[in-house]
């Protein structure tokens, strides 16, 4: 999800957090650190007051676009079936 936010244009931390409604500060910070460590995101400190940080997707990160789009299309196509399987599973668990 983070990559979809910063794919079109670099974004600051709070902008990413706002776009990913519901993510905690810690979860986002941890995820961004992992993405940076794995070479999918760059982190640039901006000379602003207060200091800002901007995150951008790298060419390696962009290489995930096609697989992500395929995964999203798959999820849209089979989302109802997955949800139904989950409901059936939960009903079975509740009976046991």
PDB file of N, CA and C in Angstrom:
ATOM      1  N   UNK A   1       0.822  -1.191   0.000  1.00  0.00           N
ATOM      2  CA  UNK A   1       0.000   0.000   0.000  1.00  0.00           C
ATOM      3  C   UNK A   1       0.871   1.263   0.000  1.00  0.00           C
ATOM      4  N   UNK A   2       1.951   1.226   0.739  1.00  0.00           N
ATOM      5  CA  UNK A   2       2.844   2.386   0.790  1.00  0.00           C
ATOM      6  C   UNK A   2       3.379   2.696  -0.596  1.00  0.00           C
ATOM      7  N   UNK A   3       3.772   1.664  -1.313  1.00  0.00           N
ATOM      8  CA  UNK A   3       4.323   1.887  -2.646  1.00  0.00           C
ATOM      9  C   UNK A   3       3.296   2.511  -3.585  1.00  0.00           C
ATOM     10  N   UNK A   4       2.030   2.174  -3.423  1.00  0.00           N
ATOM     11  CA  UNK A   4       1.013   2.767  -4.293  1.00  0.00           C
ATOM     12  C   UNK A   4       0.849   4.255  -3.996  1.00  0.00           C
ATOM     13  N   UNK A   5       1.116   4.666  -2.767  1.00  0.00           N
ATOM     14  CA  UNK A   5       1.015   6.083  -2.408  1.00  0.00           C
ATOM     15  C   UNK A   5       2.180   6.863  -3.003  1.00  0.00           C
ATOM     16  N   UNK A   6       3.390   6.321  -2.907  1.00  0.00           N
ATOM     17  CA  UNK A   6       4.550   7.085  -3.364  1.00  0.00           C
ATOM     18  C   UNK A   6       4.939   6.805  -4.809  1.00  0.00           C
ATOM     19  N   UNK A   7       4.257   5.895  -5.458  1.00  0.00           N
ATOM     20  CA  UNK A   7       4.589   5.579  -6.854  1.00  0.00           C
ATOM     21  C   UNK A   7       4.403   6.794  -7.771  1.00  0.00           C
ATOM     22  N   UNK A   8       3.276   7.498  -7.701  1.00  0.00           N
ATOM     23  CA  UNK A   8       3.099   8.632  -8.617  1.00  0.00           C
ATOM     24  C   UNK A   8       4.050   9.796  -8.330  1.00  0.00           C
ATOM     25  N   UNK A   9       4.345  10.047  -7.041  1.00  0.00           N
ATOM     26  CA  UNK A   9       5.227  11.158  -6.704  1.00  0.00           C
ATOM     27  C   UNK A   9       5.762  10.947  -5.293  1.00  0.00           C
ATOM     28  N   UNK A  10       6.978  11.440  -5.025  1.00  0.00           N
ATOM     29  CA  UNK A  10       7.512  11.339  -3.659  1.00  0.00           C
ATOM     30  C   UNK A  10       6.561  12.000  -2.669  1.00  0.00           C
ATOM     31  N   UNK A  11       6.543  11.474  -1.452  1.00  0.00           N
ATOM     32  CA  UNK A  11       5.621  11.980  -0.439  1.00  0.00           C
ATOM     33  C   UNK A  11       6.303  12.050   0.914  1.00  0.00           C
ATOM     34  N   UNK A  12       5.837  12.997   1.709  1.00  0.00           N
ATOM     35  CA  UNK A  12       6.331  13.120   3.069  1.00  0.00           C
ATOM     36  C   UNK A  12       5.604  12.124   3.968  1.00  0.00           C
ATOM     37  N   UNK A  13       6.212  11.834   5.113  1.00  0.00           N
ATOM     38  CA  UNK A  13       5.704  10.827   6.038  1.00  0.00           C
ATOM     39  C   UNK A  13       4.235  11.056   6.379  1.00  0.00           C
ATOM     40  N   UNK A  14       3.889  12.272   6.812  1.00  0.00           N
ATOM     41  CA  UNK A  14       2.502  12.532   7.235  1.00  0.00           C
ATOM     42  C   UNK A  14       1.509  12.420   6.084  1.00  0.00           C
ATOM     43  N   UNK A  15       1.939  12.751   4.881  1.00  0.00           N
ATOM     44  CA  UNK A  15       1.063  12.588   3.716  1.00  0.00           C
ATOM     45  C   UNK A  15       0.780  11.103   3.478  1.00  0.00           C
ATOM     46  N   UNK A  16       1.808  10.281   3.580  1.00  0.00           N
ATOM     47  CA  UNK A  16       1.623   8.836   3.417  1.00  0.00           C
ATOM     48  C   UNK A  16       0.683   8.321   4.503  1.00  0.00           C
ATOM     49  N   UNK A  17       0.900   8.760   5.744  1.00  0.00           N
ATOM     50  CA  UNK A  17       0.074   8.325   6.870  1.00  0.00           C
ATOM     51  C   UNK A  17      -1.391   8.709   6.656  1.00  0.00           C
ATOM     52  N   UNK A  18      -1.627   9.917   6.177  1.00  0.00           N
ATOM     53  CA  UNK A  18      -3.011  10.356   5.904  1.00  0.00           C
ATOM     54  C   UNK A  18      -3.661   9.510   4.817  1.00  0.00           C
ATOM     55  N   UNK A  19      -2.894   9.206   3.769  1.00  0.00           N
ATOM     56  CA  UNK A  19      -3.449   8.426   2.655  1.00  0.00           C
ATOM     57  C   UNK A  19      -3.723   6.980   3.052  1.00  0.00           C
ATOM     58  N   UNK A  20      -2.972   6.476   4.034  1.00  0.00           N
ATOM     59  CA  UNK A  20      -3.176   5.104   4.517  1.00  0.00           C
ATOM     60  C   UNK A  20      -3.960   5.165   5.819  1.00  0.00           C
ATOM     61  N   UNK A  21      -5.133   5.672   5.732  1.00  0.00           N
ATOM     62  CA  UNK A  21      -5.997   5.898   6.887  1.00  0.00           C
ATOM     63  C   UNK A  21      -6.012   4.683   7.805  1.00  0.00           C
ATOM     64  N   UNK A  22      -5.654   4.908   9.071  1.00  0.00           N
ATOM     65  CA  UNK A  22      -5.713   3.836  10.051  1.00  0.00           C
ATOM     66  C   UNK A  22      -4.375   3.230  10.410  1.00  0.00           C
ATOM     67  N   UNK A  23      -3.336   3.490   9.631  1.00  0.00           N
ATOM     68  CA  UNK A  23      -2.024   2.922   9.963  1.00  0.00           C
ATOM     69  C   UNK A  23      -1.423   3.732  11.118  1.00  0.00           C
ATOM     70  N   UNK A  24      -0.773   3.044  12.034  1.00  0.00           N
ATOM     71  CA  UNK A  24      -0.153   3.746  13.155  1.00  0.00           C
ATOM     72  C   UNK A  24       1.189   4.336  12.725  1.00  0.00           C
ATOM     73  N   UNK A  25       1.640   5.315  13.482  1.00  0.00           N
ATOM     74  CA  UNK A  25       2.923   5.959  13.210  1.00  0.00           C
ATOM     75  C   UNK A  25       4.041   4.913  13.216  1.00  0.00           C
ATOM     76  N   UNK A  26       4.045   4.055  14.237  1.00  0.00           N
ATOM     77  CA  UNK A  26       5.088   3.037  14.375  1.00  0.00           C
ATOM     78  C   UNK A  26       5.061   2.030  13.225  1.00  0.00           C
ATOM     79  N   UNK A  27       3.867   1.575  12.871  1.00  0.00           N
ATOM     80  CA  UNK A  27       3.760   0.595  11.785  1.00  0.00           C
ATOM     81  C   UNK A  27       4.276   1.187  10.471  1.00  0.00           C
ATOM     82  N   UNK A  28       3.928   2.448  10.200  1.00  0.00           N
ATOM     83  CA  UNK A  28       4.386   3.083   8.971  1.00  0.00           C
ATOM     84  C   UNK A  28       5.897   3.297   8.999  1.00  0.00           C
ATOM     85  N   UNK A  29       6.417   3.777  10.125  1.00  0.00           N
ATOM     86  CA  UNK A  29       7.864   4.007  10.240  1.00  0.00           C
ATOM     87  C   UNK A  29       8.629   2.699  10.052  1.00  0.00           C
ATOM     88  N   UNK A  30       8.168   1.638  10.684  1.00  0.00           N
ATOM     89  CA  UNK A  30       8.832   0.330  10.552  1.00  0.00           C
ATOM     90  C   UNK A  30       8.789  -0.171   9.106  1.00  0.00           C
ATOM     91  N   UNK A  31       7.630  -0.033   8.476  1.00  0.00           N
ATOM     92  CA  UNK A  31       7.484  -0.502   7.091  1.00  0.00           C
ATOM     93  C   UNK A  31       8.377   0.304   6.147  1.00  0.00           C
ATOM     94  N   UNK A  32       8.437   1.617   6.336  1.00  0.00           N
ATOM     95  CA  UNK A  32       9.288   2.447   5.482  1.00  0.00           C
ATOM     96  C   UNK A  32      10.760   2.079   5.668  1.00  0.00           C
ATOM     97  N   UNK A  33      11.167   1.793   6.892  1.00  0.00           N
ATOM     98  CA  UNK A  33      12.553   1.377   7.137  1.00  0.00           C
ATOM     99  C   UNK A  33      12.863   0.075   6.410  1.00  0.00           C
ATOM    100  N   UNK A  34      11.924  -0.883   6.449  1.00  0.00           N
ATOM    101  CA  UNK A  34      12.132  -2.161   5.739  1.00  0.00           C
ATOM    102  C   UNK A  34      12.199  -1.938   4.234  1.00  0.00           C
ATOM    103  N   UNK A  35      11.310  -1.110   3.701  1.00  0.00           N
ATOM    104  CA  UNK A  35      11.314  -0.839   2.264  1.00  0.00           C
ATOM    105  C   UNK A  35      12.612  -0.162   1.839  1.00  0.00           C
ATOM    106  N   UNK A  36      13.103   0.769   2.675  1.00  0.00           N
ATOM    107  CA  UNK A  36      14.374   1.430   2.364  1.00  0.00           C
ATOM    108  C   UNK A  36      15.530   0.435   2.427  1.00  0.00           C
ATOM    109  N   UNK A  37      15.561  -0.400   3.459  1.00  0.00           N
ATOM    110  CA  UNK A  37      16.615  -1.399   3.627  1.00  0.00           C
ATOM    111  C   UNK A  37      16.645  -2.373   2.444  1.00  0.00           C
ATOM    112  N   UNK A  38      15.467  -2.676   1.891  1.00  0.00           N
ATOM    113  CA  UNK A  38      15.368  -3.606   0.764  1.00  0.00           C
ATOM    114  C   UNK A  38      15.547  -2.934  -0.597  1.00  0.00           C
ATOM    115  N   UNK A  39      15.811  -1.628  -0.594  1.00  0.00           N
ATOM    116  CA  UNK A  39      16.096  -0.926  -1.845  1.00  0.00           C
ATOM    117  C   UNK A  39      14.876  -0.534  -2.657  1.00  0.00           C
ATOM    118  N   UNK A  40      13.695  -0.572  -2.041  1.00  0.00           N
ATOM    119  CA  UNK A  40      12.472  -0.244  -2.779  1.00  0.00           C
ATOM    120  C   UNK A  40      12.081   1.223  -2.636  1.00  0.00           C
ATOM    121  N   UNK A  41      12.636   1.891  -1.616  1.00  0.00           N
ATOM    122  CA  UNK A  41      12.277   3.269  -1.300  1.00  0.00           C
ATOM    123  C   UNK A  41      13.542   4.033  -0.931  1.00  0.00           C
ATOM    124  N   UNK A  42      13.582   5.307  -1.299  1.00  0.00           N
ATOM    125  CA  UNK A  42      14.659   6.179  -0.823  1.00  0.00           C
ATOM    126  C   UNK A  42      14.070   7.163   0.178  1.00  0.00           C
ATOM    127  N   UNK A  43      14.907   7.587   1.091  1.00  0.00           N
ATOM    128  CA  UNK A  43      14.521   8.536   2.132  1.00  0.00           C
ATOM    129  C   UNK A  43      15.423   9.748   1.984  1.00  0.00           C
ATOM    130  N   UNK A  44      14.815  10.932   1.817  1.00  0.00           N
ATOM    131  CA  UNK A  44      15.572  12.161   1.658  1.00  0.00           C
ATOM    132  C   UNK A  44      15.164  13.146   2.742  1.00  0.00           C
ATOM    133  N   UNK A  45      16.156  13.641   3.485  1.00  0.00           N
ATOM    134  CA  UNK A  45      15.898  14.660   4.500  1.00  0.00           C
ATOM    135  C   UNK A  45      15.840  16.002   3.790  1.00  0.00           C
ATOM    136  N   UNK A  46      14.761  16.738   4.016  1.00  0.00           N
ATOM    137  CA  UNK A  46      14.551  18.028   3.368  1.00  0.00           C
ATOM    138  C   UNK A  46      15.023  19.163   4.284  1.00  0.00           C
ATOM    139  N   UNK A  47      15.683  20.163   3.720  1.00  0.00           N
ATOM    140  CA  UNK A  47      16.173  21.280   4.527  1.00  0.00           C
ATOM    141  C   UNK A  47      15.063  22.292   4.828  1.00  0.00           C
ATOM    142  N   UNK A  48      14.080  21.855   5.571  1.00  0.00           N
ATOM    143  CA  UNK A  48      12.958  22.717   5.928  1.00  0.00           C
ATOM    144  C   UNK A  48      12.937  22.886   7.434  1.00  0.00           C
ATOM    145  N   UNK A  49      12.128  23.813   7.895  1.00  0.00           N
ATOM    146  CA  UNK A  49      11.964  23.990   9.344  1.00  0.00           C
ATOM    147  C   UNK A  49      10.509  23.751   9.681  1.00  0.00           C
ATOM    148  N   UNK A  50      10.136  22.755  10.451  1.00  0.00           N
ATOM    149  CA  UNK A  50      11.027  21.709  10.945  1.00  0.00           C
ATOM    150  C   UNK A  50      11.492  20.800   9.811  1.00  0.00           C
ATOM    151  N   UNK A  51      12.531  20.034  10.104  1.00  0.00           N
ATOM    152  CA  UNK A  51      13.104  19.145   9.093  1.00  0.00           C
ATOM    153  C   UNK A  51      12.041  18.170   8.616  1.00  0.00           C
ATOM    154  N   UNK A  52      11.959  18.016   7.311  1.00  0.00           N
ATOM    155  CA  UNK A  52      11.009  17.082   6.720  1.00  0.00           C
ATOM    156  C   UNK A  52      11.733  15.919   6.082  1.00  0.00           C
ATOM    157  N   UNK A  53      11.013  14.843   5.895  1.00  0.00           N
ATOM    158  CA  UNK A  53      11.573  13.661   5.237  1.00  0.00           C
ATOM    159  C   UNK A  53      10.618  13.266   4.121  1.00  0.00           C
ATOM    160  N   UNK A  54      11.188  13.007   2.967  1.00  0.00           N
ATOM    161  CA  UNK A  54      10.386  12.627   1.801  1.00  0.00           C
ATOM    162  C   UNK A  54      10.813  11.230   1.358  1.00  0.00           C
ATOM    163  N   UNK A  55       9.821  10.437   0.994  1.00  0.00           N
ATOM    164  CA  UNK A  55      10.080   9.070   0.536  1.00  0.00           C
ATOM    165  C   UNK A  55       9.702   8.968  -0.935  1.00  0.00           C
ATOM    166  N   UNK A  56      10.559   8.291  -1.690  1.00  0.00           N
ATOM    167  CA  UNK A  56      10.314   8.092  -3.121  1.00  0.00           C
ATOM    168  C   UNK A  56      10.569   6.637  -3.460  1.00  0.00           C
ATOM    169  N   UNK A  57       9.878   6.175  -4.482  1.00  0.00           N
ATOM    170  CA  UNK A  57      10.060   4.801  -4.928  1.00  0.00           C
ATOM    171  C   UNK A  57      11.299   4.728  -5.823  1.00  0.00           C
ATOM    172  N   UNK A  58      12.034   3.646  -5.724  1.00  0.00           N
ATOM    173  CA  UNK A  58      13.241   3.452  -6.537  1.00  0.00           C
ATOM    174  C   UNK A  58      12.878   2.694  -7.817  1.00  0.00           C
ATOM    175  N   UNK A  59      13.805   2.616  -8.761  1.00  0.00           N
ATOM    176  CA  UNK A  59      13.541   1.795  -9.954  1.00  0.00           C
ATOM    177  C   UNK A  59      13.210   0.342  -9.586  1.00  0.00           C
ATOM    178  N   UNK A  60      13.890  -0.192  -8.565  1.00  0.00           N
ATOM    179  CA  UNK A  60      13.580  -1.554  -8.118  1.00  0.00           C
ATOM    180  C   UNK A  60      12.139  -1.624  -7.609  1.00  0.00           C
ATOM    181  N   UNK A  61      11.722  -0.614  -6.864  1.00  0.00           N
ATOM    182  CA  UNK A  61      10.337  -0.553  -6.387  1.00  0.00           C
ATOM    183  C   UNK A  61       9.351  -0.473  -7.547  1.00  0.00           C
ATOM    184  N   UNK A  62       9.708   0.328  -8.558  1.00  0.00           N
ATOM    185  CA  UNK A  62       8.833   0.441  -9.740  1.00  0.00           C
ATOM    186  C   UNK A  62       8.683  -0.901 -10.457  1.00  0.00           C
ATOM    187  N   UNK A  63       9.695  -1.747 -10.350  1.00  0.00           N
ATOM    188  CA  UNK A  63       9.613  -3.044 -11.032  1.00  0.00           C
ATOM    189  C   UNK A  63       8.509  -3.919 -10.454  1.00  0.00           C
ATOM    190  N   UNK A  64       8.005  -3.571  -9.274  1.00  0.00           N
ATOM    191  CA  UNK A  64       6.902  -4.332  -8.665  1.00  0.00           C
ATOM    192  C   UNK A  64       5.530  -3.918  -9.200  1.00  0.00           C
ATOM    193  N   UNK A  65       5.488  -2.856  -9.989  1.00  0.00           N
ATOM    194  CA  UNK A  65       4.195  -2.342 -10.455  1.00  0.00           C
ATOM    195  C   UNK A  65       3.378  -3.395 -11.190  1.00  0.00           C
ATOM    196  N   UNK A  66       3.980  -4.059 -12.154  1.00  0.00           N
ATOM    197  CA  UNK A  66       3.247  -5.054 -12.945  1.00  0.00           C
ATOM    198  C   UNK A  66       2.749  -6.210 -12.076  1.00  0.00           C
ATOM    199  N   UNK A  67       3.603  -6.809 -11.231  1.00  0.00           N
ATOM    200  CA  UNK A  67       3.079  -7.876 -10.365  1.00  0.00           C
ATOM    201  C   UNK A  67       2.000  -7.388  -9.398  1.00  0.00           C
ATOM    202  N   UNK A  68       2.146  -6.174  -8.850  1.00  0.00           N
ATOM    203  CA  UNK A  68       1.119  -5.635  -7.959  1.00  0.00           C
ATOM    204  C   UNK A  68      -0.201  -5.439  -8.688  1.00  0.00           C
ATOM    205  N   UNK A  69      -0.133  -4.917  -9.911  1.00  0.00           N
ATOM    206  CA  UNK A  69      -1.365  -4.724 -10.683  1.00  0.00           C
ATOM    207  C   UNK A  69      -2.033  -6.064 -10.965  1.00  0.00           C
ATOM    208  N   UNK A  70      -1.241  -7.088 -11.265  1.00  0.00           N
ATOM    209  CA  UNK A  70      -1.800  -8.426 -11.497  1.00  0.00           C
ATOM    210  C   UNK A  70      -2.440  -8.960 -10.220  1.00  0.00           C
ATOM    211  N   UNK A  71      -1.780  -8.760  -9.090  1.00  0.00           N
ATOM    212  CA  UNK A  71      -2.331  -9.215  -7.810  1.00  0.00           C
ATOM    213  C   UNK A  71      -3.628  -8.479  -7.476  1.00  0.00           C
ATOM    214  N   UNK A  72      -3.655  -7.175  -7.724  1.00  0.00           N
ATOM    215  CA  UNK A  72      -4.886  -6.403  -7.469  1.00  0.00           C
ATOM    216  C   UNK A  72      -6.026  -6.887  -8.362  1.00  0.00           C
ATOM    217  N   UNK A  73      -5.730  -7.144  -9.625  1.00  0.00           N
ATOM    218  CA  UNK A  73      -6.766  -7.643 -10.536  1.00  0.00           C
ATOM    219  C   UNK A  73      -7.273  -9.000 -10.064  1.00  0.00           C
ATOM    220  N   UNK A  74      -6.359  -9.854  -9.611  1.00  0.00           N
ATOM    221  CA  UNK A  74      -6.748 -11.168  -9.095  1.00  0.00           C
ATOM    222  C   UNK A  74      -7.640 -11.010  -7.877  1.00  0.00           C
ATOM    223  N   UNK A  75      -7.251 -10.130  -6.962  1.00  0.00           N
ATOM    224  CA  UNK A  75      -8.034  -9.918  -5.740  1.00  0.00           C
ATOM    225  C   UNK A  75      -9.429  -9.385  -6.064  1.00  0.00           C
ATOM    226  N   UNK A  76      -9.524  -8.494  -7.032  1.00  0.00           N
ATOM    227  CA  UNK A  76     -10.841  -7.992  -7.433  1.00  0.00           C
ATOM    228  C   UNK A  76     -11.690  -9.104  -8.037  1.00  0.00           C
ATOM    229  N   UNK A  77     -11.059  -9.952  -8.834  1.00  0.00           N
ATOM    230  CA  UNK A  77     -11.793 -11.034  -9.484  1.00  0.00           C
ATOM    231  C   UNK A  77     -12.254 -12.096  -8.486  1.00  0.00           C
ATOM    232  N   UNK A  78     -11.412 -12.429  -7.512  1.00  0.00           N
ATOM    233  CA  UNK A  78     -11.709 -13.533  -6.610  1.00  0.00           C
ATOM    234  C   UNK A  78     -12.028 -13.112  -5.182  1.00  0.00           C
ATOM    235  N   UNK A  79     -12.139 -11.814  -4.939  1.00  0.00           N
ATOM    236  CA  UNK A  79     -12.402 -11.315  -3.592  1.00  0.00           C
ATOM    237  C   UNK A  79     -13.654 -11.882  -2.967  1.00  0.00           C
ATOM    238  N   UNK A  80     -14.730 -11.960  -3.726  1.00  0.00           N
ATOM    239  CA  UNK A  80     -15.986 -12.501  -3.188  1.00  0.00           C
ATOM    240  C   UNK A  80     -15.836 -13.973  -2.802  1.00  0.00           C
ATOM    241  N   UNK A  81     -15.140 -14.737  -3.620  1.00  0.00           N
ATOM    242  CA  UNK A  81     -14.939 -16.158  -3.324  1.00  0.00           C
ATOM    243  C   UNK A  81     -14.082 -16.332  -2.072  1.00  0.00           C
ATOM    244  N   UNK A  82     -13.080 -15.487  -1.914  1.00  0.00           N
ATOM    245  CA  UNK A  82     -12.223 -15.558  -0.724  1.00  0.00           C
ATOM    246  C   UNK A  82     -13.041 -15.205   0.518  1.00  0.00           C
ATOM    247  N   UNK A  83     -13.824 -14.166   0.412  1.00  0.00           N
ATOM    248  CA  UNK A  83     -14.654 -13.765   1.551  1.00  0.00           C
ATOM    249  C   UNK A  83     -15.649 -14.864   1.913  1.00  0.00           C
ATOM    250  N   UNK A  84     -16.253 -15.498   0.931  1.00  0.00           N
ATOM    251  CA  UNK A  84     -17.196 -16.587   1.188  1.00  0.00           C
ATOM    252  C   UNK A  84     -16.505 -17.764   1.864  1.00  0.00           C
ATOM    253  N   UNK A  85     -15.304 -18.102   1.408  1.00  0.00           N
ATOM    254  CA  UNK A  85     -14.551 -19.194   2.035  1.00  0.00           C
ATOM    255  C   UNK A  85     -14.240 -18.858   3.486  1.00  0.00           C
ATOM    256  N   UNK A  86     -13.934 -17.611   3.761  1.00  0.00           N
ATOM    257  CA  UNK A  86     -13.654 -17.183   5.125  1.00  0.00           C
ATOM    258  C   UNK A  86     -14.903 -17.323   6.001  1.00  0.00           C
ATOM    259  N   UNK A  87     -16.049 -16.898   5.472  1.00  0.00           N
ATOM    260  CA  UNK A  87     -17.303 -16.996   6.224  1.00  0.00           C
ATOM    261  C   UNK A  87     -17.617 -18.457   6.540  1.00  0.00           C
ATOM    262  N   UNK A  88     -17.475 -19.337   5.552  1.00  0.00           N
ATOM    263  CA  UNK A  88     -17.735 -20.762   5.756  1.00  0.00           C
ATOM    264  C   UNK A  88     -16.795 -21.314   6.825  1.00  0.00           C
ATOM    265  N   UNK A  89     -15.530 -20.940   6.764  1.00  0.00           N
ATOM    266  CA  UNK A  89     -14.546 -21.400   7.738  1.00  0.00           C
ATOM    267  C   UNK A  89     -14.888 -20.918   9.145  1.00  0.00           C
ATOM    268  N   UNK A  90     -15.286 -19.665   9.270  1.00  0.00           N
ATOM    269  CA  UNK A  90     -15.645 -19.114  10.584  1.00  0.00           C
ATOM    270  C   UNK A  90     -16.887 -19.794  11.157  1.00  0.00           C
ATOM    271  N   UNK A  91     -17.847 -20.085  10.309  1.00  0.00           N
ATOM    272  CA  UNK A  91     -19.046 -20.792  10.776  1.00  0.00           C
ATOM    273  C   UNK A  91     -18.676 -22.182  11.295  1.00  0.00           C
ATOM    274  N   UNK A  92     -17.798 -22.867  10.574  1.00  0.00           N
ATOM    275  CA  UNK A  92     -17.364 -24.202  10.995  1.00  0.00           C
ATOM    276  C   UNK A  92     -16.609 -24.125  12.324  1.00  0.00           C
ATOM    277  N   UNK A  93     -15.780 -23.133  12.484  1.00  0.00           N
ATOM    278  CA  UNK A  93     -15.036 -22.954  13.747  1.00  0.00           C
ATOM    279  C   UNK A  93     -15.987 -22.678  14.908  1.00  0.00           C
ATOM    280  N   UNK A  94     -17.016 -21.884  14.651  1.00  0.00           N
ATOM    281  CA  UNK A  94     -17.960 -21.529  15.693  1.00  0.00           C
ATOM    282  C   UNK A  94     -18.752 -22.755  16.172  1.00  0.00           C
ATOM    283  N   UNK A  95     -18.973 -23.717  15.278  1.00  0.00           N
ATOM    284  CA  UNK A  95     -19.713 -24.933  15.649  1.00  0.00           C
ATOM    285  C   UNK A  95     -18.864 -25.888  16.465  1.00  0.00           C
ATOM    286  N   UNK A  96     -17.573 -25.787  16.338  1.00  0.00           N
ATOM    287  CA  UNK A  96     -16.674 -26.729  17.047  1.00  0.00           C
ATOM    288  C   UNK A  96     -16.347 -26.217  18.375  1.00  0.00           C
TER     289      UNK A  96
END
